[in-house]
Amino acid sequence: MTTTTTLPLIKLAPNGPVFDLPIYVAQELGLFEKHGLRVELVEKYDAKESHASYDPFERKKESLYEQGTADAYNLCEWAGLDRSEHSGRGSRVHALRPAVAAQAIVTFDDDIQEVRDLAGVPVGINERTGSHYTSLQILGGSLAREDVVVQHFGSPFERYEQLKTGKLRAAAVMEPFISLALKEGAHIISVVFYRGAEVISPDVPEDVRNGYRAALNEAARILKTDFAKYKHHLTAQVQGQLEPEELHNHFVHYAVSREFDESRFDFTYQWMKDWSLTPGDKAYNQLAI
């Protein structure tokens, strides 16, 4: 007879609550066990933890995975390919995650009102994360390539603090920092929604991967109808600066996971190559599963 303790276990490295919320919901409601597995977050996410290193593999998610403490984690689609391309342990993108989140370029500077005003202005990002890649998409659509400037400042908490002090004139952030910025008098220059990726060890069996996705999809459906019940998970990281009811409804939503198919890979990987973010010499089955 199968008991909970004998179910296969996936150990996860933590990401920001806006992205990991379906995991929290699935854990709270026993959805992973319902789909035949156990899931454990190996550490608690810390919003104030520094991400100052330019090397992604020195950061929490990646280092926990590379040292074998975690079996999987989620991050942006482009970073999923980047990490799988450079992983010493070996990883694969196996799906697009349920969190469909916004990265917004925000500012307190009244001289910046549209993307064209950001020509030559450094936008604060975290190197090789969603804030970096989406900023290139936003800026590259309105500016000459030579006028696009991004600058590594670390985690969203660090970027927002530097924005408030005036060290940064503009920064890319996600929730709850978008809602917090608007509350505190900032305005949005541009926003883009994006699907992230689930990155996993190829040693995790296919049936376990499928069960994991099924549980997250069930959690995403619950969040679609009752997001307000779980907003406190997002606002907790800003420690009383934003109440759950002050978190806007329109800068993140949750949808069922999608396959990361070869046509999606080709488009994403070519875009990364066009921005000199990859040599672009890997095949789909080398970076995806």
Protein backbone atom coordinates (compact mmCIF):
# COMPACT_ATOMS: atom_id res chain seq x y z
CA MET A 1 0.00 0.00 0.00
CA THR A 2 1.35 3.43 -0.98
CA THR A 3 1.66 5.89 1.89
CA THR A 4 2.51 9.59 1.76
CA THR A 5 6.05 8.94 2.97
CA THR A 6 6.71 6.46 0.17
CA LEU A 7 5.60 8.79 -2.62
CA PRO A 8 8.40 10.12 -4.87
CA LEU A 9 9.82 13.42 -3.66
CA ILE A 10 10.75 16.51 -5.69
CA LYS A 11 12.85 19.03 -3.82
CA LEU A 12 12.47 22.61 -5.04
CA ALA A 13 14.73 25.65 -4.78
CA PRO A 14 12.68 28.76 -3.91
CA ASN A 15 11.77 31.59 -6.24
CA GLY A 16 9.80 34.76 -5.47
CA PRO A 17 6.27 34.16 -4.11
CA VAL A 18 4.65 35.74 -7.19
CA PHE A 19 6.11 32.85 -9.20
CA ASP A 20 5.95 30.11 -6.56
CA LEU A 21 2.39 30.82 -5.42
CA PRO A 22 0.91 27.79 -7.23
CA ILE A 23 3.43 25.66 -5.31
CA TYR A 24 2.28 27.15 -1.99
CA VAL A 25 -1.37 26.51 -2.87
CA ALA A 26 -0.70 22.94 -3.99
CA GLN A 27 1.16 22.26 -0.75
CA GLU A 28 -1.55 23.79 1.43
CA LEU A 29 -4.32 21.82 -0.28
CA GLY A 30 -2.49 18.49 -0.63
CA LEU A 31 -2.59 18.59 -4.43
CA PHE A 32 0.86 17.09 -4.91
CA GLU A 33 -0.06 14.03 -2.87
CA LYS A 34 -3.31 13.79 -4.82
CA HIS A 35 -1.23 13.50 -7.98
CA GLY A 36 1.15 10.91 -6.57
CA LEU A 37 4.19 12.78 -5.28
CA ARG A 38 5.58 14.89 -2.48
CA VAL A 39 7.10 18.33 -2.99
CA GLU A 40 9.37 20.14 -0.57
CA LEU A 41 10.79 23.67 -0.78
CA VAL A 42 14.29 23.16 0.56
CA GLU A 43 14.60 26.75 1.83
CA LYS A 44 12.28 29.67 2.48
CA TYR A 45 12.44 32.58 0.05
CA ASP A 46 14.07 35.70 1.48
CA ALA A 47 13.20 38.91 -0.37
CA LYS A 48 16.12 40.76 1.22
CA GLU A 49 18.71 38.19 0.25
CA SER A 50 21.29 39.82 -1.99
CA HIS A 51 21.50 38.78 -5.63
CA ALA A 52 24.45 41.07 -6.25
CA SER A 53 26.56 38.46 -8.04
CA TYR A 54 26.66 38.74 -11.81
CA ASP A 55 27.09 34.95 -11.93
CA PRO A 56 23.64 33.34 -11.75
CA PHE A 57 25.13 30.11 -10.43
CA GLU A 58 26.25 31.90 -7.27
CA ARG A 59 22.63 32.79 -6.48
CA LYS A 60 20.27 30.78 -4.26
CA LYS A 61 18.12 28.84 -6.75
CA GLU A 62 20.92 27.87 -9.03
CA SER A 63 23.44 27.00 -6.32
CA LEU A 64 20.93 24.78 -4.49
CA TYR A 65 20.23 22.95 -7.73
CA GLU A 66 23.85 22.66 -8.82
CA GLN A 67 24.96 21.19 -5.50
CA GLY A 68 22.16 18.59 -5.64
CA THR A 69 20.10 19.96 -2.75
CA ALA A 70 17.17 20.68 -5.09
CA ASP A 71 15.78 18.80 -8.10
CA ALA A 72 13.98 21.68 -9.79
CA TYR A 73 13.12 25.36 -9.68
CA ASN A 74 11.26 27.90 -11.77
CA LEU A 75 12.57 31.04 -13.41
CA CYS A 76 12.01 32.96 -16.63
CA GLU A 77 11.94 31.14 -19.96
CA TRP A 78 15.15 32.69 -21.26
CA ALA A 79 17.03 32.01 -18.04
CA GLY A 80 15.77 28.44 -18.13
CA LEU A 81 17.60 27.95 -21.40
CA ASP A 82 20.64 29.85 -20.17
CA ARG A 83 20.97 27.76 -16.99
CA SER A 84 20.39 24.51 -18.85
CA GLU A 85 23.03 25.56 -21.37
CA HIS A 86 25.61 26.23 -18.65
CA SER A 87 24.64 23.85 -15.84
CA GLY A 88 27.47 21.69 -14.56
CA ARG A 89 24.96 19.21 -13.15
CA GLY A 90 22.69 19.23 -16.19
CA SER A 91 19.11 20.53 -16.30
CA ARG A 92 16.26 20.80 -18.78
CA VAL A 93 13.29 23.07 -19.38
CA HIS A 94 10.25 20.80 -19.11
CA ALA A 95 7.30 23.23 -19.23
CA LEU A 96 6.18 26.84 -19.08
CA ARG A 97 5.13 27.68 -15.52
CA PRO A 98 1.59 28.68 -14.46
CA ALA A 99 2.56 32.17 -13.26
CA VAL A 100 1.97 34.74 -16.01
CA ALA A 101 3.61 37.75 -14.41
CA ALA A 102 4.31 41.32 -15.38
CA GLN A 103 7.67 42.99 -15.29
CA ALA A 104 7.10 46.73 -15.20
CA ILE A 105 9.65 49.46 -15.71
CA VAL A 106 8.75 51.99 -13.02
CA THR A 107 10.12 55.39 -12.04
CA PHE A 108 9.62 58.26 -9.59
CA ASP A 109 11.17 60.66 -12.12
CA ASP A 110 8.67 63.01 -13.79
CA ASP A 111 11.10 63.59 -16.67
CA ILE A 112 10.59 59.97 -17.71
CA GLN A 113 7.13 59.44 -19.18
CA GLU A 114 7.61 57.04 -22.10
CA VAL A 115 10.10 54.44 -23.21
CA ARG A 116 11.80 56.93 -25.55
CA ASP A 117 12.77 58.94 -22.44
CA LEU A 118 14.88 55.97 -21.34
CA ALA A 119 17.40 56.37 -24.18
CA GLY A 120 20.79 56.09 -22.50
CA VAL A 121 19.20 55.85 -19.03
CA PRO A 122 20.26 52.75 -17.04
CA VAL A 123 17.32 50.54 -16.10
CA GLY A 124 17.94 48.50 -12.96
CA ILE A 125 17.71 44.75 -13.50
CA ASN A 126 19.02 41.46 -12.12
CA GLU A 127 21.47 40.05 -14.65
CA ARG A 128 20.17 37.07 -16.65
CA THR A 129 16.72 37.01 -15.04
CA GLY A 130 13.23 38.00 -16.20
CA SER A 131 13.88 41.64 -15.33
CA HIS A 132 16.86 41.64 -17.69
CA TYR A 133 15.31 39.85 -20.64
CA THR A 134 11.96 41.65 -20.51
CA SER A 135 13.69 45.03 -20.22
CA LEU A 136 15.56 44.27 -23.44
CA GLN A 137 12.25 43.41 -25.08
CA ILE A 138 10.60 46.63 -23.88
CA LEU A 139 13.51 48.93 -24.64
CA GLY A 140 14.51 47.24 -27.87
CA GLY A 141 11.06 47.85 -29.32
CA SER A 142 11.34 51.64 -29.01
CA LEU A 143 15.03 52.53 -28.88
CA ALA A 144 18.06 52.10 -31.07
CA ARG A 145 20.15 49.18 -29.84
CA GLU A 146 22.97 51.52 -28.76
CA ASP A 147 20.55 53.52 -26.57
CA VAL A 148 19.43 50.48 -24.57
CA VAL A 149 21.15 50.48 -21.16
CA VAL A 150 20.49 47.98 -18.38
CA GLN A 151 22.40 47.83 -15.12
CA HIS A 152 22.66 44.96 -12.65
CA PHE A 153 21.39 45.88 -9.18
CA GLY A 154 20.32 42.47 -7.84
CA SER A 155 17.01 41.34 -6.37
CA PRO A 156 13.71 43.22 -6.83
CA PHE A 157 13.96 44.38 -3.20
CA GLU A 158 17.44 45.81 -3.90
CA ARG A 159 16.34 47.42 -7.16
CA TYR A 160 13.33 49.05 -5.54
CA GLU A 161 15.39 50.40 -2.64
CA GLN A 162 17.89 51.97 -5.07
CA LEU A 163 15.00 53.43 -7.08
CA LYS A 164 13.58 55.10 -3.96
CA THR A 165 16.95 56.59 -3.00
CA GLY A 166 17.38 58.04 -6.50
CA LYS A 167 20.47 56.01 -7.32
CA LEU A 168 18.36 54.49 -10.08
CA ARG A 169 16.01 56.54 -12.24
CA ALA A 170 14.15 53.48 -13.51
CA ALA A 171 13.93 49.82 -12.58
CA ALA A 172 12.18 46.67 -13.73
CA VAL A 173 10.16 44.99 -10.96
CA MET A 174 7.36 42.48 -10.52
CA GLU A 175 4.70 42.08 -7.83
CA PRO A 176 4.41 43.04 -5.03
CA PHE A 177 6.85 45.81 -5.94
CA ILE A 178 4.69 47.17 -8.78
CA SER A 179 1.75 47.71 -6.44
CA LEU A 180 4.07 49.10 -3.76
CA ALA A 181 5.70 51.51 -6.22
CA LEU A 182 2.32 52.80 -7.39
CA LYS A 183 1.19 53.22 -3.78
CA GLU A 184 4.31 55.24 -2.99
CA GLY A 185 4.00 57.60 -5.95
CA ALA A 186 5.89 55.94 -8.80
CA HIS A 187 4.46 55.53 -12.29
CA ILE A 188 4.79 52.84 -14.92
CA ILE A 189 6.70 53.46 -18.15
CA SER A 190 5.96 50.11 -19.72
CA VAL A 191 4.90 46.62 -18.73
CA VAL A 192 5.16 43.19 -20.33
CA PHE A 193 3.70 39.85 -19.28
CA TYR A 194 5.70 36.68 -19.73
CA ARG A 195 5.56 32.95 -19.07
CA GLY A 196 8.43 31.51 -17.06
CA ALA A 197 9.91 28.05 -17.24
CA GLU A 198 10.09 25.02 -14.97
CA VAL A 199 13.65 23.68 -14.92
CA ILE A 200 14.17 20.15 -13.68
CA SER A 201 16.76 17.42 -13.42
CA PRO A 202 16.50 14.92 -16.28
CA ASP A 203 16.79 12.23 -13.58
CA VAL A 204 13.23 12.99 -12.40
CA PRO A 205 10.97 10.36 -14.07
CA GLU A 206 8.41 11.49 -16.64
CA ASP A 207 5.41 10.33 -14.59
CA VAL A 208 6.62 12.35 -11.60
CA ARG A 209 7.16 15.43 -13.80
CA ASN A 210 3.65 15.01 -15.18
CA GLY A 211 2.16 14.69 -11.70
CA TYR A 212 3.99 17.82 -10.61
CA ARG A 213 2.57 19.79 -13.55
CA ALA A 214 -0.93 18.45 -12.98
CA ALA A 215 -0.88 19.60 -9.35
CA LEU A 216 0.37 23.06 -10.32
CA ASN A 217 -2.32 23.33 -12.98
CA GLU A 218 -4.99 22.50 -10.42
CA ALA A 219 -3.55 25.16 -8.11
CA ALA A 220 -3.53 27.68 -10.97
CA ARG A 221 -7.24 27.09 -11.57
CA ILE A 222 -7.92 27.75 -7.89
CA LEU A 223 -5.88 30.96 -7.99
CA LYS A 224 -7.75 32.13 -11.05
CA THR A 225 -10.99 32.12 -9.08
CA ASP A 226 -9.71 33.01 -5.58
CA PHE A 227 -6.49 35.02 -5.88
CA ALA A 228 -7.47 37.33 -2.99
CA LYS A 229 -7.30 34.45 -0.51
CA TYR A 230 -3.59 33.99 -1.21
CA LYS A 231 -2.33 37.56 -1.73
CA HIS A 232 -0.80 37.61 1.74
CA HIS A 233 1.96 35.31 0.50
CA LEU A 234 3.09 38.04 -1.91
CA THR A 235 2.76 41.04 0.37
CA ALA A 236 4.56 39.32 3.27
CA GLN A 237 7.92 40.00 1.62
CA VAL A 238 7.51 43.79 1.94
CA GLN A 239 6.79 43.53 5.66
CA GLY A 240 3.79 45.74 6.30
CA GLN A 241 4.39 48.29 3.53
CA LEU A 242 1.53 46.83 1.50
CA GLU A 243 -1.65 45.15 2.72
CA PRO A 244 -3.00 42.15 0.76
CA GLU A 245 -6.04 44.15 -0.39
CA GLU A 246 -3.68 46.83 -1.80
CA LEU A 247 -2.06 44.34 -4.18
CA HIS A 248 -3.47 44.94 -7.64
CA ASN A 249 -5.22 42.13 -9.49
CA HIS A 250 -3.91 42.86 -12.95
CA PHE A 251 -0.11 42.46 -12.75
CA VAL A 252 -0.09 38.69 -12.33
CA HIS A 253 -2.47 35.92 -13.22
CA TYR A 254 -2.28 32.16 -13.19
CA ALA A 255 -3.03 29.80 -16.04
CA VAL A 256 -2.43 26.15 -16.78
CA SER A 257 1.10 25.21 -17.67
CA ARG A 258 2.04 24.92 -21.34
CA GLU A 259 4.38 22.60 -23.16
CA PHE A 260 7.73 24.07 -24.10
CA ASP A 261 7.67 22.81 -27.66
CA GLU A 262 10.35 23.02 -30.33
CA SER A 263 8.83 25.98 -32.20
CA ARG A 264 8.77 28.00 -28.96
CA PHE A 265 12.35 26.97 -28.28
CA ASP A 266 13.49 28.03 -31.75
CA PHE A 267 11.95 31.49 -31.42
CA THR A 268 13.23 32.12 -27.89
CA TYR A 269 16.70 30.77 -28.52
CA GLN A 270 17.08 32.84 -31.71
CA TRP A 271 16.01 36.00 -29.84
CA MET A 272 18.66 35.31 -27.20
CA LYS A 273 21.24 34.80 -29.92
CA ASP A 274 20.25 38.10 -31.59
CA TRP A 275 21.02 39.88 -28.29
CA SER A 276 24.33 37.99 -27.90
CA LEU A 277 22.99 36.19 -24.82
CA THR A 278 23.89 32.75 -26.16
CA PRO A 279 26.09 31.35 -28.93
CA GLY A 280 22.94 29.54 -30.01
CA ASP A 281 24.67 26.25 -30.76
CA LYS A 282 22.47 23.81 -28.80
CA ALA A 283 19.56 21.72 -30.05
CA TYR A 284 16.10 21.52 -28.54
CA ASN A 285 16.64 18.10 -26.99
CA GLN A 286 19.84 19.31 -25.32
CA LEU A 287 18.06 22.06 -23.35
CA ALA A 288 14.46 20.80 -23.09
CA ILE A 289 12.79 17.58 -22.06
